N, C-alpha and C. Protein backbone atom coordinates (compact mmCIF):
# COMPACT_ATOMS: atom_id res chain seq x y z
N UNK A 1 59.24 40.44 118.31
CA UNK A 1 58.89 41.45 119.28
C UNK A 1 58.79 40.87 120.68
N UNK A 2 59.00 39.61 120.87
CA UNK A 2 58.95 39.03 122.20
C UNK A 2 57.94 37.92 122.29
N UNK A 3 57.68 37.49 123.49
CA UNK A 3 56.76 36.40 123.79
C UNK A 3 55.33 36.82 123.42
N UNK A 4 54.72 36.07 122.50
CA UNK A 4 53.38 36.45 122.02
C UNK A 4 52.29 36.23 123.07
N UNK A 5 52.59 35.49 124.14
CA UNK A 5 51.59 35.29 125.19
C UNK A 5 51.53 36.48 126.16
N UNK A 6 52.48 37.37 126.05
CA UNK A 6 52.52 38.55 126.92
C UNK A 6 52.03 39.76 126.17
N UNK A 7 51.20 40.54 126.81
CA UNK A 7 50.61 41.71 126.18
C UNK A 7 51.60 42.87 126.05
N UNK A 8 52.48 43.03 127.03
CA UNK A 8 53.36 44.20 127.04
C UNK A 8 54.84 43.84 127.23
N UNK A 9 55.30 42.77 126.61
CA UNK A 9 56.74 42.47 126.66
C UNK A 9 57.47 43.69 126.10
N UNK A 10 58.47 44.17 126.82
CA UNK A 10 59.08 45.43 126.44
C UNK A 10 59.80 45.34 125.10
N UNK A 11 59.62 46.39 124.33
CA UNK A 11 60.45 46.69 123.16
C UNK A 11 60.39 48.20 123.01
N UNK A 12 61.37 48.78 122.34
CA UNK A 12 61.38 50.23 122.15
C UNK A 12 60.17 50.69 121.34
N UNK A 13 59.59 49.80 120.54
CA UNK A 13 58.40 50.15 119.76
C UNK A 13 57.23 50.56 120.64
N UNK A 14 57.17 50.04 121.87
CA UNK A 14 56.09 50.42 122.78
C UNK A 14 56.10 51.91 123.11
N UNK A 15 57.26 52.53 123.01
CA UNK A 15 57.39 53.94 123.38
C UNK A 15 56.96 54.88 122.26
N UNK A 16 56.75 54.35 121.10
CA UNK A 16 56.40 55.18 119.94
C UNK A 16 57.61 55.37 119.06
N UNK A 17 57.41 55.27 117.80
CA UNK A 17 58.52 55.36 116.85
C UNK A 17 59.00 56.80 116.69
N UNK A 18 58.08 57.73 116.58
CA UNK A 18 58.44 59.12 116.34
C UNK A 18 57.68 60.01 117.32
N UNK A 19 58.33 60.35 118.42
CA UNK A 19 57.66 61.16 119.43
C UNK A 19 57.37 62.58 118.95
N UNK A 20 58.16 63.09 118.02
CA UNK A 20 57.88 64.42 117.47
C UNK A 20 56.57 64.41 116.69
N UNK A 21 56.28 63.30 116.04
CA UNK A 21 55.01 63.17 115.33
C UNK A 21 53.86 62.95 116.31
N UNK A 22 54.11 62.18 117.35
CA UNK A 22 53.07 61.85 118.32
C UNK A 22 52.71 63.05 119.18
N UNK A 23 53.70 63.90 119.50
CA UNK A 23 53.45 65.06 120.37
C UNK A 23 54.11 66.30 119.77
N UNK A 24 53.60 66.76 118.62
CA UNK A 24 54.27 67.87 117.94
C UNK A 24 54.25 69.18 118.73
N UNK A 25 53.28 69.37 119.60
CA UNK A 25 53.22 70.62 120.38
C UNK A 25 53.74 70.42 121.80
N UNK A 26 53.63 69.23 122.34
CA UNK A 26 54.04 68.97 123.73
C UNK A 26 55.51 68.56 123.83
N UNK A 27 56.04 67.95 122.80
CA UNK A 27 57.42 67.49 122.83
C UNK A 27 57.57 66.24 123.68
N UNK A 28 58.80 65.89 123.97
CA UNK A 28 59.06 64.63 124.67
C UNK A 28 59.36 64.81 126.15
N UNK A 29 59.16 66.01 126.69
CA UNK A 29 59.47 66.23 128.10
C UNK A 29 58.24 66.00 128.97
N UNK A 30 58.50 65.78 130.25
CA UNK A 30 57.44 65.49 131.21
C UNK A 30 57.83 66.10 132.55
N UNK A 31 56.91 66.66 133.26
CA UNK A 31 57.16 67.20 134.58
C UNK A 31 57.54 66.07 135.54
N UNK A 32 58.57 66.29 136.34
CA UNK A 32 59.05 65.26 137.27
C UNK A 32 57.99 64.86 138.29
N UNK A 33 57.18 65.82 138.71
CA UNK A 33 56.12 65.52 139.66
C UNK A 33 55.14 64.49 139.08
N UNK A 34 54.84 64.58 137.81
CA UNK A 34 53.93 63.64 137.16
C UNK A 34 54.59 62.27 137.02
N UNK A 35 55.88 62.25 136.70
CA UNK A 35 56.62 60.98 136.66
C UNK A 35 56.56 60.29 138.02
N UNK A 36 56.81 61.07 139.07
CA UNK A 36 56.79 60.49 140.42
C UNK A 36 55.37 60.10 140.84
N UNK A 37 54.37 60.84 140.40
CA UNK A 37 52.99 60.45 140.65
C UNK A 37 52.74 59.05 140.09
N UNK A 38 53.16 58.82 138.87
CA UNK A 38 53.02 57.49 138.27
C UNK A 38 53.79 56.43 139.08
N UNK A 39 55.06 56.71 139.33
CA UNK A 39 55.93 55.74 140.00
C UNK A 39 55.41 55.37 141.39
N UNK A 40 55.09 56.36 142.21
CA UNK A 40 54.75 56.07 143.60
C UNK A 40 53.30 55.59 143.78
N UNK A 41 52.40 55.97 142.90
CA UNK A 41 51.06 55.38 142.98
C UNK A 41 51.10 53.93 142.52
N UNK A 42 51.90 53.64 141.49
CA UNK A 42 52.08 52.25 141.05
C UNK A 42 52.68 51.42 142.18
N UNK A 43 53.69 51.96 142.82
CA UNK A 43 54.32 51.24 143.92
C UNK A 43 53.33 51.03 145.07
N UNK A 44 52.53 52.03 145.38
CA UNK A 44 51.55 51.93 146.46
C UNK A 44 50.56 50.80 146.18
N UNK A 45 50.02 50.75 144.97
CA UNK A 45 49.07 49.70 144.62
C UNK A 45 49.74 48.32 144.68
N UNK A 46 50.94 48.22 144.14
CA UNK A 46 51.65 46.94 144.16
C UNK A 46 51.98 46.50 145.58
N UNK A 47 52.41 47.44 146.43
CA UNK A 47 52.73 47.08 147.82
C UNK A 47 51.49 46.62 148.57
N UNK A 48 50.37 47.27 148.31
CA UNK A 48 49.12 46.85 148.95
C UNK A 48 48.79 45.41 148.57
N UNK A 49 49.02 45.08 147.33
CA UNK A 49 48.66 43.75 146.83
C UNK A 49 49.71 42.69 147.17
N UNK A 50 51.01 43.04 147.07
CA UNK A 50 52.06 42.02 147.15
C UNK A 50 53.02 42.17 148.32
N UNK A 51 53.02 43.29 149.00
CA UNK A 51 53.95 43.54 150.09
C UNK A 51 55.22 44.22 149.59
N UNK A 52 55.87 44.94 150.50
CA UNK A 52 57.05 45.73 150.14
C UNK A 52 58.20 44.90 149.62
N UNK A 53 58.48 43.77 150.23
CA UNK A 53 59.63 42.95 149.81
C UNK A 53 59.46 42.47 148.38
N UNK A 54 58.28 42.02 148.03
CA UNK A 54 58.04 41.53 146.68
C UNK A 54 58.10 42.68 145.66
N UNK A 55 57.58 43.84 146.04
CA UNK A 55 57.62 44.98 145.14
C UNK A 55 59.06 45.45 144.94
N UNK A 56 59.88 45.39 145.98
CA UNK A 56 61.30 45.72 145.81
C UNK A 56 61.93 44.80 144.77
N UNK A 57 61.61 43.52 144.81
CA UNK A 57 62.13 42.57 143.81
C UNK A 57 61.66 42.95 142.41
N UNK A 58 60.39 43.31 142.29
CA UNK A 58 59.84 43.69 140.98
C UNK A 58 60.52 44.95 140.46
N UNK A 59 60.69 45.95 141.30
CA UNK A 59 61.36 47.18 140.88
C UNK A 59 62.81 46.91 140.50
N UNK A 60 63.50 46.07 141.27
CA UNK A 60 64.88 45.74 140.94
C UNK A 60 64.95 45.04 139.59
N UNK A 61 64.13 44.03 139.39
CA UNK A 61 64.12 43.30 138.12
C UNK A 61 63.76 44.21 136.95
N UNK A 62 62.82 45.13 137.17
CA UNK A 62 62.46 46.10 136.14
C UNK A 62 63.66 46.99 135.82
N UNK A 63 64.39 47.39 136.84
CA UNK A 63 65.59 48.19 136.63
C UNK A 63 66.64 47.46 135.82
N UNK A 64 66.84 46.17 136.13
CA UNK A 64 67.81 45.37 135.37
C UNK A 64 67.41 45.33 133.90
N UNK A 65 66.14 45.06 133.65
CA UNK A 65 65.65 45.01 132.27
C UNK A 65 65.85 46.36 131.58
N UNK A 66 65.48 47.45 132.25
CA UNK A 66 65.64 48.78 131.68
C UNK A 66 67.11 49.11 131.43
N UNK A 67 67.98 48.77 132.38
CA UNK A 67 69.41 49.02 132.21
C UNK A 67 69.99 48.26 131.03
N UNK A 68 69.52 47.05 130.83
CA UNK A 68 69.97 46.24 129.70
C UNK A 68 69.53 46.88 128.38
N UNK A 69 68.27 47.29 128.31
CA UNK A 69 67.77 47.95 127.10
C UNK A 69 68.44 49.30 126.89
N UNK A 70 68.69 50.04 127.98
CA UNK A 70 69.39 51.32 127.89
C UNK A 70 70.77 51.11 127.30
N UNK A 71 71.47 50.09 127.78
CA UNK A 71 72.80 49.78 127.26
C UNK A 71 72.73 49.50 125.75
N UNK A 72 71.79 48.64 125.37
CA UNK A 72 71.69 48.27 123.96
C UNK A 72 71.37 49.46 123.07
N UNK A 73 70.57 50.39 123.56
CA UNK A 73 70.16 51.53 122.73
C UNK A 73 71.20 52.66 122.73
N UNK A 74 71.80 52.94 123.88
CA UNK A 74 72.64 54.13 124.00
C UNK A 74 74.13 53.86 124.19
N UNK A 75 74.50 52.66 124.57
CA UNK A 75 75.89 52.42 124.96
C UNK A 75 76.56 51.31 124.16
N UNK A 76 75.87 50.76 123.20
CA UNK A 76 76.40 49.66 122.39
C UNK A 76 77.68 50.09 121.68
N UNK A 77 78.65 49.21 121.63
CA UNK A 77 79.89 49.47 120.91
C UNK A 77 80.95 50.18 121.72
N UNK A 78 80.64 50.55 122.94
CA UNK A 78 81.64 51.20 123.81
C UNK A 78 82.60 50.13 124.31
N UNK A 79 83.90 50.45 124.28
CA UNK A 79 84.88 49.42 124.63
C UNK A 79 85.68 49.70 125.89
N UNK A 80 85.64 50.92 126.41
CA UNK A 80 86.42 51.22 127.61
C UNK A 80 85.51 51.73 128.72
N UNK A 81 85.96 51.53 129.95
CA UNK A 81 85.21 52.03 131.10
C UNK A 81 85.12 53.55 131.05
N UNK A 82 86.19 54.21 130.67
CA UNK A 82 86.19 55.67 130.59
C UNK A 82 85.15 56.17 129.60
N UNK A 83 85.06 55.53 128.44
CA UNK A 83 84.07 55.92 127.44
C UNK A 83 82.65 55.62 127.93
N UNK A 84 82.49 54.48 128.63
CA UNK A 84 81.19 54.13 129.20
C UNK A 84 80.73 55.20 130.18
N UNK A 85 81.60 55.58 131.09
CA UNK A 85 81.27 56.59 132.10
C UNK A 85 80.90 57.91 131.43
N UNK A 86 81.70 58.36 130.50
CA UNK A 86 81.44 59.63 129.82
C UNK A 86 80.10 59.60 129.09
N UNK A 87 79.79 58.50 128.43
CA UNK A 87 78.53 58.40 127.69
C UNK A 87 77.35 58.34 128.64
N UNK A 88 77.48 57.61 129.75
CA UNK A 88 76.41 57.58 130.75
C UNK A 88 76.20 58.99 131.31
N UNK A 89 77.28 59.68 131.64
CA UNK A 89 77.15 61.05 132.14
C UNK A 89 76.37 61.92 131.16
N UNK A 90 76.75 61.86 129.90
CA UNK A 90 76.09 62.67 128.89
C UNK A 90 74.62 62.29 128.73
N UNK A 91 74.33 61.01 128.65
CA UNK A 91 72.96 60.54 128.44
C UNK A 91 72.07 60.84 129.65
N UNK A 92 72.59 60.59 130.86
CA UNK A 92 71.81 60.88 132.06
C UNK A 92 71.45 62.36 132.12
N UNK A 93 72.40 63.21 131.80
CA UNK A 93 72.13 64.65 131.84
C UNK A 93 71.14 65.02 130.74
N UNK A 94 71.38 64.54 129.53
CA UNK A 94 70.49 64.84 128.39
C UNK A 94 69.06 64.38 128.64
N UNK A 95 68.90 63.21 129.23
CA UNK A 95 67.58 62.63 129.44
C UNK A 95 66.95 63.02 130.78
N UNK A 96 67.69 63.77 131.60
CA UNK A 96 67.15 64.25 132.87
C UNK A 96 67.11 63.22 133.97
N UNK A 97 67.94 62.18 133.86
CA UNK A 97 67.97 61.11 134.87
C UNK A 97 68.68 61.58 136.13
N UNK A 98 69.78 62.29 135.97
CA UNK A 98 70.57 62.76 137.09
C UNK A 98 71.98 63.06 136.64
N UNK A 99 72.81 63.43 137.60
CA UNK A 99 74.21 63.76 137.32
C UNK A 99 75.04 62.58 137.80
N UNK A 100 75.58 61.84 136.85
CA UNK A 100 76.28 60.58 137.11
C UNK A 100 77.77 60.83 137.22
N UNK A 101 78.39 60.15 138.19
CA UNK A 101 79.86 60.18 138.29
C UNK A 101 80.35 58.93 138.99
N UNK A 102 81.62 58.66 138.79
CA UNK A 102 82.27 57.52 139.42
C UNK A 102 83.20 58.05 140.50
N UNK A 103 83.01 57.59 141.73
CA UNK A 103 83.90 58.00 142.82
C UNK A 103 85.13 57.11 142.90
N UNK A 104 84.91 55.80 142.79
CA UNK A 104 86.04 54.87 142.81
C UNK A 104 85.79 53.79 141.76
N UNK A 105 86.88 53.27 141.24
CA UNK A 105 86.81 52.20 140.26
C UNK A 105 88.04 51.31 140.40
N UNK A 106 87.82 50.02 140.57
CA UNK A 106 88.95 49.09 140.60
C UNK A 106 89.55 49.02 139.21
N UNK A 107 90.86 48.90 139.12
CA UNK A 107 91.55 48.87 137.83
C UNK A 107 91.04 47.76 136.92
N UNK A 108 90.61 46.66 137.51
CA UNK A 108 90.11 45.52 136.72
C UNK A 108 88.59 45.55 136.53
N UNK A 109 87.95 46.66 136.88
CA UNK A 109 86.50 46.85 136.75
C UNK A 109 85.70 45.86 137.60
N UNK A 110 86.31 45.38 138.68
CA UNK A 110 85.62 44.43 139.54
C UNK A 110 84.71 45.12 140.56
N UNK A 111 84.91 46.42 140.76
CA UNK A 111 84.04 47.15 141.67
C UNK A 111 84.06 48.64 141.33
N UNK A 112 82.95 49.28 141.68
CA UNK A 112 82.78 50.71 141.43
C UNK A 112 81.98 51.31 142.57
N UNK A 113 82.26 52.56 142.89
CA UNK A 113 81.36 53.37 143.70
C UNK A 113 80.86 54.45 142.77
N UNK A 114 79.54 54.46 142.55
CA UNK A 114 78.91 55.33 141.58
C UNK A 114 77.94 56.27 142.28
N UNK A 115 77.84 57.49 141.80
CA UNK A 115 76.98 58.49 142.41
C UNK A 115 76.03 59.06 141.36
N UNK A 116 74.79 59.26 141.76
CA UNK A 116 73.82 59.97 140.92
C UNK A 116 73.28 61.12 141.77
N UNK A 117 73.72 62.33 141.45
CA UNK A 117 73.19 63.53 142.09
C UNK A 117 71.92 63.95 141.36
N UNK A 118 71.03 64.63 142.08
CA UNK A 118 69.77 65.09 141.51
C UNK A 118 69.00 63.96 140.84
N UNK A 119 69.01 62.81 141.50
CA UNK A 119 68.38 61.60 140.98
C UNK A 119 66.90 61.81 140.71
N UNK A 120 66.47 61.38 139.57
CA UNK A 120 65.08 61.52 139.13
C UNK A 120 64.10 60.92 140.13
N UNK A 121 64.46 59.79 140.73
CA UNK A 121 63.52 59.06 141.58
C UNK A 121 63.36 59.62 142.98
N UNK A 122 64.41 60.25 143.55
CA UNK A 122 64.27 60.57 144.97
C UNK A 122 64.76 61.93 145.41
N UNK A 123 65.51 62.65 144.62
CA UNK A 123 66.02 63.95 145.07
C UNK A 123 64.87 64.86 145.46
N UNK A 124 64.96 65.41 146.65
CA UNK A 124 63.93 66.32 147.14
C UNK A 124 62.83 65.66 147.95
N UNK A 125 62.82 64.33 148.01
CA UNK A 125 61.81 63.65 148.81
C UNK A 125 62.12 63.79 150.30
N UNK A 126 61.15 63.59 151.17
CA UNK A 126 61.40 63.71 152.61
C UNK A 126 62.33 62.61 153.12
N UNK A 127 63.02 62.91 154.21
CA UNK A 127 63.85 61.89 154.86
C UNK A 127 62.96 60.80 155.43
N UNK A 128 63.31 59.57 155.11
CA UNK A 128 62.57 58.41 155.63
C UNK A 128 63.51 57.41 156.30
N UNK A 129 64.80 57.68 156.27
CA UNK A 129 65.84 56.77 156.74
C UNK A 129 65.95 55.52 155.87
N UNK A 130 65.30 55.54 154.71
CA UNK A 130 65.33 54.39 153.81
C UNK A 130 66.20 54.69 152.60
N UNK A 131 66.75 53.63 152.05
CA UNK A 131 67.38 53.68 150.73
C UNK A 131 66.30 53.20 149.78
N UNK A 132 65.81 54.09 148.92
CA UNK A 132 64.63 53.73 148.13
C UNK A 132 64.93 53.48 146.65
N UNK A 133 66.16 53.64 146.23
CA UNK A 133 66.48 53.58 144.80
C UNK A 133 66.76 52.15 144.33
N UNK A 134 65.82 51.28 144.59
CA UNK A 134 65.95 49.87 144.24
C UNK A 134 65.91 49.69 142.72
N UNK A 135 65.05 50.43 142.06
CA UNK A 135 65.01 50.40 140.59
C UNK A 135 66.37 50.81 140.03
N UNK A 136 66.96 51.86 140.61
CA UNK A 136 68.27 52.34 140.15
C UNK A 136 69.36 51.29 140.35
N UNK A 137 69.29 50.56 141.46
CA UNK A 137 70.25 49.46 141.68
C UNK A 137 70.18 48.48 140.50
N UNK A 138 68.98 48.10 140.14
CA UNK A 138 68.80 47.18 139.03
C UNK A 138 69.25 47.79 137.71
N UNK A 139 68.95 49.06 137.50
CA UNK A 139 69.32 49.75 136.27
C UNK A 139 70.84 49.74 136.09
N UNK A 140 71.55 50.09 137.16
CA UNK A 140 73.02 50.09 137.10
C UNK A 140 73.54 48.67 136.86
N UNK A 141 72.95 47.69 137.54
CA UNK A 141 73.34 46.29 137.32
C UNK A 141 73.15 45.90 135.86
N UNK A 142 72.01 46.26 135.29
CA UNK A 142 71.74 45.92 133.89
C UNK A 142 72.79 46.48 132.95
N UNK A 143 73.17 47.74 133.18
CA UNK A 143 74.21 48.36 132.35
C UNK A 143 75.54 47.65 132.52
N UNK A 144 75.97 47.46 133.78
CA UNK A 144 77.28 46.84 134.03
C UNK A 144 77.33 45.40 133.53
N UNK A 145 76.28 44.64 133.75
CA UNK A 145 76.24 43.26 133.27
C UNK A 145 76.36 43.22 131.75
N UNK A 146 75.63 44.08 131.07
CA UNK A 146 75.66 44.10 129.61
C UNK A 146 77.02 44.54 129.09
N UNK A 147 77.62 45.54 129.74
CA UNK A 147 78.91 46.06 129.29
C UNK A 147 80.02 45.03 129.47
N UNK A 148 80.02 44.33 130.60
CA UNK A 148 81.13 43.44 130.93
C UNK A 148 80.86 41.97 130.61
N UNK A 149 79.62 41.63 130.30
CA UNK A 149 79.21 40.22 130.11
C UNK A 149 79.51 39.43 131.38
N UNK A 150 79.45 40.10 132.52
CA UNK A 150 79.64 39.49 133.83
C UNK A 150 78.40 39.79 134.65
N UNK A 151 78.43 39.40 135.92
CA UNK A 151 77.31 39.70 136.81
C UNK A 151 77.81 40.57 137.96
N UNK A 152 77.05 41.61 138.25
CA UNK A 152 77.37 42.52 139.35
C UNK A 152 76.28 42.49 140.40
N UNK A 153 76.69 42.70 141.62
CA UNK A 153 75.77 42.97 142.72
C UNK A 153 75.85 44.47 142.94
N UNK A 154 74.70 45.14 142.98
CA UNK A 154 74.68 46.59 143.14
C UNK A 154 73.80 46.93 144.34
N UNK A 155 74.35 47.72 145.24
CA UNK A 155 73.60 48.14 146.43
C UNK A 155 73.73 49.64 146.61
N UNK A 156 72.60 50.26 146.94
CA UNK A 156 72.63 51.68 147.27
C UNK A 156 73.18 51.81 148.69
N UNK A 157 74.21 52.61 148.86
CA UNK A 157 74.83 52.76 150.18
C UNK A 157 74.51 54.12 150.80
N UNK A 158 74.09 55.08 150.00
CA UNK A 158 73.61 56.38 150.46
C UNK A 158 72.44 56.77 149.59
N UNK A 159 71.46 57.46 150.18
CA UNK A 159 70.27 57.88 149.44
C UNK A 159 69.84 59.25 149.94
N UNK A 160 69.28 60.03 149.04
CA UNK A 160 68.70 61.32 149.44
C UNK A 160 67.75 61.12 150.62
N UNK A 161 66.95 60.07 150.55
CA UNK A 161 65.92 59.83 151.56
C UNK A 161 66.47 59.36 152.91
N UNK A 162 67.75 59.01 152.94
CA UNK A 162 68.37 58.66 154.22
C UNK A 162 69.23 59.80 154.74
N UNK A 163 69.10 60.97 154.10
CA UNK A 163 69.81 62.15 154.56
C UNK A 163 71.11 62.45 153.83
N UNK A 164 71.50 61.61 152.88
CA UNK A 164 72.80 61.79 152.21
C UNK A 164 72.79 62.91 151.18
N UNK A 165 71.63 63.27 150.67
CA UNK A 165 71.46 64.31 149.66
C UNK A 165 72.13 63.95 148.33
N UNK A 166 72.42 62.69 148.15
CA UNK A 166 72.88 62.12 146.88
C UNK A 166 72.59 60.63 146.93
N UNK A 167 72.63 59.98 145.80
CA UNK A 167 72.47 58.53 145.77
C UNK A 167 73.80 57.92 145.38
N UNK A 168 74.29 57.02 146.21
CA UNK A 168 75.61 56.40 146.01
C UNK A 168 75.40 54.90 145.98
N UNK A 169 76.04 54.27 145.02
CA UNK A 169 75.88 52.83 144.82
C UNK A 169 77.24 52.16 144.80
N UNK A 170 77.30 50.97 145.40
CA UNK A 170 78.50 50.16 145.32
C UNK A 170 78.18 48.96 144.43
N UNK A 171 78.97 48.79 143.41
CA UNK A 171 78.79 47.67 142.48
C UNK A 171 80.02 46.78 142.54
N UNK A 172 79.76 45.47 142.69
CA UNK A 172 80.87 44.51 142.81
C UNK A 172 80.57 43.31 141.92
N UNK A 173 81.59 42.94 141.13
CA UNK A 173 81.46 41.77 140.28
C UNK A 173 81.33 40.52 141.15
N UNK A 174 80.42 39.66 140.79
CA UNK A 174 80.21 38.41 141.54
C UNK A 174 80.49 37.23 140.61
N UNK A 175 80.93 36.15 141.23
CA UNK A 175 81.16 34.92 140.46
C UNK A 175 82.43 34.86 139.71
């Protein structure tokens, strides 16, 4: 289950084995406002303690870890980029993450421009002129790294919070 010196090393077991048994009347859904309450209060406390730059690193690394686990649970065994994209689209919609699409893709999978409309983390938030989807950058990196067994650099190039009304990411293979 992971490093025994850590109290909460991630595994899918932490989420509960049978959510229907755990929440027979409530189900597995959650109001987005409550999700964001958790996310942004956690970020606020962490920023107060560690500063914004360090918290951005933590959110990015958390995203990479989550993207890797997401790949292993939902995308394992996929062999083509087209199948990967279709499955991500289906899973993101099913799980309420957002509406995923690929705008551009290099033939050799060395780079992608990816879009997430109605993004769970930021759609509808006020304009701040910031690109805030740092966790999402890591999440996408985790998926791409796991799928290709390569390393990608992922940067958000447009964000709802910077006025774009969508989240757009550029991913480029490095090394």
